[in-house]
Amino acid sequence: MPAATIARANDAGLLREGIYGTAWFLHRFADDAPAGWEMRGPKYKGFAKGG
């Protein structure tokens, strides 16, 4: 992923550093309400519903 894309996502509050080397990506509904967090890492991927 390009560094500029990561920087924009981070500046917008859509990206977090999680535990065990995971990255957390916020998903939003069309009305901008949080839909949940996608979590990706070397040994884990998943989705947590809600904000």
Protein backbone atom coordinates (compact mmCIF):
# COMPACT_ATOMS: atom_id res chain seq x y z
CA MET A 1 0.00 0.00 0.00
CA PRO A 2 1.43 3.43 -0.87
CA ALA A 3 2.72 5.47 2.07
CA ALA A 4 0.52 8.43 1.07
CA THR A 5 -2.61 6.23 1.30
CA ILE A 6 -1.61 5.04 4.76
CA ALA A 7 -0.93 8.62 5.86
CA ARG A 8 -4.36 9.81 4.62
CA ALA A 9 -6.14 6.91 6.36
CA ASN A 10 -4.24 7.61 9.57
CA ASP A 11 -4.99 11.35 9.41
CA ALA A 12 -8.70 10.55 8.91
CA GLY A 13 -8.75 8.29 11.99
CA LEU A 14 -9.43 5.17 9.92
CA LEU A 15 -6.29 3.26 10.83
CA ARG A 16 -5.02 1.97 14.16
CA GLU A 17 -2.12 -0.18 15.26
CA GLY A 18 -3.40 -3.26 17.06
CA ILE A 19 -1.80 -5.95 19.17
CA TYR A 20 0.54 -8.65 17.88
CA GLY A 21 1.49 -6.74 14.73
CA THR A 22 -2.06 -6.19 13.51
CA ALA A 23 -3.43 -3.17 11.70
CA TRP A 24 -7.05 -2.14 12.31
CA PHE A 25 -9.08 -0.46 9.55
CA LEU A 26 -12.34 1.33 10.34
CA HIS A 27 -15.26 0.66 7.97
CA ARG A 28 -18.15 3.13 7.82
CA PHE A 29 -21.71 3.03 6.54
CA ALA A 30 -22.88 5.52 3.89
CA ASP A 31 -24.17 7.82 6.69
CA ASP A 32 -20.60 7.88 8.15
CA ALA A 33 -21.57 5.77 11.19
CA PRO A 34 -18.96 3.14 12.17
CA ALA A 35 -19.74 -0.30 10.75
CA GLY A 36 -16.82 -2.09 12.40
CA TRP A 37 -13.09 -2.72 12.40
CA GLU A 38 -11.21 -4.99 10.02
CA MET A 39 -8.13 -6.49 11.67
CA ARG A 40 -5.21 -7.82 9.66
CA GLY A 41 -1.89 -9.20 10.78
CA PRO A 42 0.73 -11.83 10.07
CA LYS A 43 -1.32 -14.59 11.74
CA TYR A 44 -4.82 -13.11 12.06
CA LYS A 45 -7.55 -11.52 9.99
CA GLY A 46 -11.05 -10.76 11.12
CA PHE A 47 -13.83 -8.21 11.49
CA ALA A 48 -15.48 -6.81 14.62
CA LYS A 49 -18.96 -5.36 14.07
CA GLY A 50 -19.89 -2.02 15.57
CA GLY A 51 -17.89 1.05 16.40
